[in-house]
Amino acid sequence: MKILLFDLDGTLVRAGGAGRKALARAVRAVFGVRKDCCAELDLAGKTDLVNFEEAIRAALGRGPVRAEVERLHEEYIRLLPHYVRAALRAKRYELTPGIRRLLRVLAARKDEVALGLGTGNMERGARIKLQPSGLNGYFPFGGFGSDAYHRHLLLRKAVSRARRRLRLRAVDPRDVFVVGDTPLDVAAGRKAGYRTIAVGTGFSTWGELVRSKPDHLARDFRNVKEWLLWLSLKPKRRKKLSR
């Protein structure tokens, strides 16, 4: 059984900056600051818990206490649907090239492949961002920013959930593939002990992805045969129609 854990932002979809905008607005609402505290922050590839902490530090000049992070999270979740809808209206919400077809092909091989999320988004936020894409149904389990502060730990949580869901005695780390669009995704997958696939669909340059040295590297998801080869899966032959 191959387990694929997909990052969300920049890997599955591009949501027109909905997450960044919702976080900036939430910080202003919760802490009463006027400036955009997220303008200078690099949010890509990190967990929401890290991003919330950095946003609060930028707003208040100090680290947060737990109650402040929880308040910010709730306000962020309240605001996020508005900004996702705004991205849709502006036609800035889009699926990455080839992802729908690849997921359809892999989902048809449920005896060989299990699809999950491995994202720094809190789970509720992840589902909100994915909802317009119609992809939520492909990912019945996952590891989320609400599971761990550090990304490699949420990936291990996702595998633990997959093992229980599939009733597997054990999971060979070589059968787990972490798919993401930043060097941080690659680093987290490697630290968790899994294989890594980097895609040039998101927020990192091609050179940055090359230097991160993933196990596999793709521009996007359109070459399905290449992906099946990496997963050691043989393409299914089409049945010939009898005359």
Protein backbone atom coordinates (compact mmCIF):
# COMPACT_ATOMS: atom_id res chain seq x y z
CA MET A 1 0.00 0.00 0.00
CA LYS A 2 1.39 3.38 -1.05
CA ILE A 3 0.40 6.35 1.08
CA LEU A 4 0.52 9.78 -0.55
CA LEU A 5 0.34 12.87 1.64
CA PHE A 6 -0.42 16.07 -0.27
CA ASP A 7 0.32 19.58 0.83
CA LEU A 8 -2.54 21.98 0.08
CA ASP A 9 -1.59 25.58 -0.78
CA GLY A 10 0.33 25.73 -4.04
CA THR A 11 0.25 21.95 -4.38
CA LEU A 12 -3.44 21.09 -4.78
CA VAL A 13 -4.89 24.57 -5.24
CA ARG A 14 -3.93 28.21 -5.37
CA ALA A 15 -6.52 30.16 -3.38
CA GLY A 16 -5.61 33.68 -4.40
CA GLY A 17 -3.98 34.54 -1.09
CA ALA A 18 -7.18 33.83 0.85
CA GLY A 19 -5.31 32.45 3.85
CA ARG A 20 -2.89 35.37 4.12
CA LYS A 21 -5.70 37.92 3.79
CA ALA A 22 -7.87 36.18 6.38
CA LEU A 23 -4.97 35.98 8.82
CA ALA A 24 -4.06 39.65 8.40
CA ARG A 25 -7.67 40.70 8.96
CA ALA A 26 -7.99 38.37 11.96
CA VAL A 27 -4.90 39.86 13.60
CA ARG A 28 -6.32 43.36 13.21
CA ALA A 29 -9.69 42.29 14.60
CA VAL A 30 -8.35 40.37 17.61
CA PHE A 31 -5.48 42.63 18.66
CA GLY A 32 -6.70 46.01 17.47
CA VAL A 33 -3.66 46.83 15.34
CA ARG A 34 -3.92 48.81 12.12
CA LYS A 35 -0.88 47.57 10.23
CA ASP A 36 -0.82 44.45 8.06
CA CYS A 37 1.29 42.19 10.28
CA CYS A 38 1.48 39.48 7.63
CA ALA A 39 2.89 41.64 4.84
CA GLU A 40 6.50 40.73 5.58
CA LEU A 41 5.93 37.15 6.71
CA ASP A 42 6.81 34.12 4.60
CA LEU A 43 3.88 31.78 5.30
CA ALA A 44 4.53 29.09 2.69
CA GLY A 45 5.45 25.62 3.89
CA LYS A 46 4.90 26.34 7.59
CA THR A 47 2.21 25.18 9.99
CA ASP A 48 -0.62 27.54 10.92
CA LEU A 49 0.57 27.42 14.53
CA VAL A 50 3.94 28.81 13.44
CA ASN A 51 2.29 31.44 11.23
CA PHE A 52 -0.14 32.48 13.97
CA GLU A 53 2.74 32.86 16.41
CA GLU A 54 4.81 34.93 13.98
CA ALA A 55 1.82 37.15 13.12
CA ILE A 56 1.10 37.82 16.80
CA ARG A 57 4.77 38.55 17.45
CA ALA A 58 4.76 41.04 14.56
CA ALA A 59 1.61 42.68 15.98
CA LEU A 60 2.51 42.80 19.66
CA GLY A 61 6.29 42.62 19.72
CA ARG A 62 6.24 39.50 21.90
CA GLY A 63 5.38 35.84 21.74
CA PRO A 64 1.75 34.78 22.26
CA VAL A 65 0.09 32.88 25.05
CA ARG A 66 -2.10 29.91 24.16
CA ALA A 67 -5.39 31.76 24.63
CA GLU A 68 -4.29 34.40 22.10
CA VAL A 69 -3.47 31.76 19.50
CA GLU A 70 -6.87 30.14 20.04
CA ARG A 71 -8.69 33.46 19.67
CA LEU A 72 -6.78 34.21 16.48
CA HIS A 73 -7.54 30.76 15.09
CA GLU A 74 -11.28 31.13 15.67
CA GLU A 75 -11.37 34.56 14.04
CA TYR A 76 -9.29 33.30 11.12
CA ILE A 77 -11.70 30.40 10.55
CA ARG A 78 -14.66 32.80 10.70
CA LEU A 79 -13.12 35.07 8.06
CA LEU A 80 -11.55 32.49 5.73
CA PRO A 81 -14.72 31.51 3.77
CA HIS A 82 -15.24 35.16 2.78
CA TYR A 83 -11.77 35.42 1.27
CA VAL A 84 -12.06 32.06 -0.50
CA ARG A 85 -15.32 33.24 -2.08
CA ALA A 86 -13.63 36.52 -3.04
CA ALA A 87 -10.84 34.58 -4.77
CA LEU A 88 -13.46 32.59 -6.68
CA ARG A 89 -15.28 35.74 -7.81
CA ALA A 90 -12.00 37.28 -8.93
CA LYS A 91 -11.10 34.05 -10.74
CA ARG A 92 -7.94 33.74 -8.68
CA TYR A 93 -8.84 30.35 -7.22
CA GLU A 94 -7.47 27.54 -9.35
CA LEU A 95 -6.48 23.89 -9.29
CA THR A 96 -2.88 23.07 -10.13
CA PRO A 97 -2.28 21.60 -13.61
CA GLY A 98 -3.14 17.90 -13.89
CA ILE A 99 -4.08 17.35 -10.25
CA ARG A 100 -7.71 16.34 -10.78
CA ARG A 101 -6.84 13.67 -13.34
CA LEU A 102 -3.97 12.27 -11.25
CA LEU A 103 -6.17 12.02 -8.16
CA ARG A 104 -8.90 10.32 -10.17
CA VAL A 105 -6.42 7.76 -11.48
CA LEU A 106 -4.92 7.09 -8.05
CA ALA A 107 -8.29 6.95 -6.29
CA ALA A 108 -9.35 4.20 -8.68
CA ARG A 109 -6.55 2.05 -7.24
CA LYS A 110 -7.74 2.01 -3.65
CA ASP A 111 -6.26 -1.46 -3.10
CA GLU A 112 -2.81 -0.04 -3.85
CA VAL A 113 -2.93 3.66 -2.95
CA ALA A 114 -4.25 5.71 -0.02
CA LEU A 115 -4.58 9.46 -0.46
CA GLY A 116 -4.31 11.87 2.46
CA LEU A 117 -3.43 15.45 3.30
CA GLY A 118 -0.18 16.52 4.89
CA THR A 119 -0.70 20.24 5.34
CA GLY A 120 0.24 22.93 7.78
CA ASN A 121 -3.33 24.26 7.63
CA MET A 122 -5.53 23.67 10.65
CA GLU A 123 -8.01 20.98 9.62
CA ARG A 124 -11.04 23.26 9.46
CA GLY A 125 -9.10 25.78 7.39
CA ALA A 126 -7.85 23.07 5.04
CA ARG A 127 -11.38 21.84 4.34
CA ILE A 128 -12.64 25.39 3.77
CA LYS A 129 -9.88 26.08 1.24
CA LEU A 130 -10.46 22.80 -0.59
CA GLN A 131 -14.26 22.96 -0.68
CA PRO A 132 -14.62 24.91 -3.99
CA SER A 133 -12.21 22.54 -5.74
CA GLY A 134 -14.33 19.44 -5.16
CA LEU A 135 -11.20 17.59 -3.99
CA ASN A 136 -12.10 17.11 -0.32
CA GLY A 137 -13.58 13.69 -1.00
CA TYR A 138 -10.26 12.34 -2.23
CA PHE A 139 -8.69 12.86 1.22
CA PRO A 140 -10.55 11.00 3.99
CA PHE A 141 -7.62 11.38 6.40
CA GLY A 142 -4.60 13.56 6.93
CA GLY A 143 -2.18 15.34 9.20
CA PHE A 144 -2.87 19.01 9.88
CA GLY A 145 -1.44 22.10 11.52
CA SER A 146 -3.89 21.47 14.34
CA ASP A 147 -2.02 18.23 15.09
CA ALA A 148 1.48 19.57 15.63
CA TYR A 149 3.62 22.68 15.70
CA HIS A 150 6.35 21.00 13.63
CA ARG A 151 5.51 19.78 10.17
CA HIS A 152 7.29 16.41 10.27
CA LEU A 153 5.19 15.43 13.29
CA LEU A 154 1.88 16.10 11.55
CA LEU A 155 3.06 13.91 8.67
CA ARG A 156 3.67 11.06 11.09
CA LYS A 157 0.21 11.68 12.54
CA ALA A 158 -1.27 11.33 9.05
CA VAL A 159 0.48 7.99 8.56
CA SER A 160 -0.75 6.80 11.94
CA ARG A 161 -4.31 7.65 10.91
CA ALA A 162 -3.84 5.87 7.58
CA ARG A 163 -2.56 2.76 9.32
CA ARG A 164 -5.60 2.62 11.60
CA ARG A 165 -8.02 3.41 8.79
CA LEU A 166 -6.58 0.73 6.52
CA ARG A 167 -6.03 -1.72 9.40
CA LEU A 168 -2.39 -2.17 8.53
CA ARG A 169 -0.06 -3.87 11.01
CA ALA A 170 2.76 -1.59 9.99
CA VAL A 171 3.72 0.95 7.33
CA ASP A 172 7.06 0.84 5.56
CA PRO A 173 8.34 4.47 5.45
CA ARG A 174 9.52 3.80 1.90
CA ASP A 175 5.88 3.45 0.88
CA VAL A 176 4.97 6.94 2.12
CA PHE A 177 5.34 9.86 -0.30
CA VAL A 178 5.11 13.50 0.82
CA VAL A 179 4.06 15.79 -2.05
CA GLY A 180 4.64 19.53 -1.74
CA ASP A 181 5.68 22.72 -3.49
CA THR A 182 8.34 24.13 -1.14
CA PRO A 183 11.72 23.04 0.24
CA LEU A 184 10.10 23.02 3.70
CA ASP A 185 7.73 20.27 2.51
CA VAL A 186 10.72 18.28 1.31
CA ALA A 187 12.64 18.85 4.54
CA ALA A 188 9.66 17.80 6.68
CA GLY A 189 9.08 14.65 4.65
CA ARG A 190 12.74 13.72 4.88
CA LYS A 191 12.83 14.37 8.63
CA ALA A 192 9.76 12.18 9.10
CA GLY A 193 11.59 9.41 7.25
CA TYR A 194 9.42 9.37 4.12
CA ARG A 195 10.03 9.79 0.41
CA THR A 196 9.47 13.21 -1.11
CA ILE A 197 8.08 14.58 -4.35
CA ALA A 198 8.43 18.30 -5.06
CA VAL A 199 6.22 20.03 -7.63
CA GLY A 200 6.79 23.38 -9.30
CA THR A 201 3.17 24.45 -8.98
CA GLY A 202 3.39 26.81 -6.06
CA PHE A 203 5.43 29.37 -4.23
CA SER A 204 9.05 28.26 -4.65
CA THR A 205 11.34 28.71 -7.62
CA TRP A 206 12.49 25.72 -9.62
CA GLY A 207 16.05 26.31 -8.44
CA GLU A 208 14.96 26.22 -4.80
CA LEU A 209 13.17 22.93 -5.37
CA VAL A 210 16.18 21.43 -7.13
CA ARG A 211 18.47 22.44 -4.27
CA SER A 212 16.12 20.84 -1.73
CA LYS A 213 16.99 17.46 -3.31
CA PRO A 214 13.64 15.65 -3.21
CA ASP A 215 13.46 12.01 -4.28
CA HIS A 216 11.45 13.09 -7.32
CA LEU A 217 10.78 16.43 -8.97
CA ALA A 218 7.98 17.42 -11.36
CA ARG A 219 6.82 20.64 -12.97
CA ASP A 220 3.19 19.68 -12.27
CA PHE A 221 0.88 16.66 -12.16
CA ARG A 222 0.14 16.20 -15.85
CA ASN A 223 2.51 13.30 -16.60
CA VAL A 224 0.49 10.54 -14.93
CA LYS A 225 2.73 7.75 -16.25
CA GLU A 226 5.75 9.36 -14.59
CA TRP A 227 3.93 9.54 -11.26
CA LEU A 228 2.86 5.90 -11.51
CA LEU A 229 6.47 4.94 -12.22
CA TRP A 230 7.69 6.75 -9.10
CA LEU A 231 5.08 4.87 -7.07
CA SER A 232 6.06 1.54 -8.66
CA LEU A 233 2.53 1.18 -10.04
CA LYS A 234 1.96 -0.31 -13.46
CA PRO A 235 -0.43 1.55 -15.77
CA LYS A 236 -3.69 -0.34 -16.10
CA ARG A 237 -4.34 -1.74 -19.55
CA ARG A 238 -7.58 -0.83 -21.20
CA LYS A 239 -9.79 -3.80 -21.89
CA LYS A 240 -10.28 -4.52 -25.56
CA LEU A 241 -13.86 -4.40 -26.71
CA SER A 242 -15.08 -7.66 -28.26
CA ARG A 243 -16.42 -7.36 -31.75
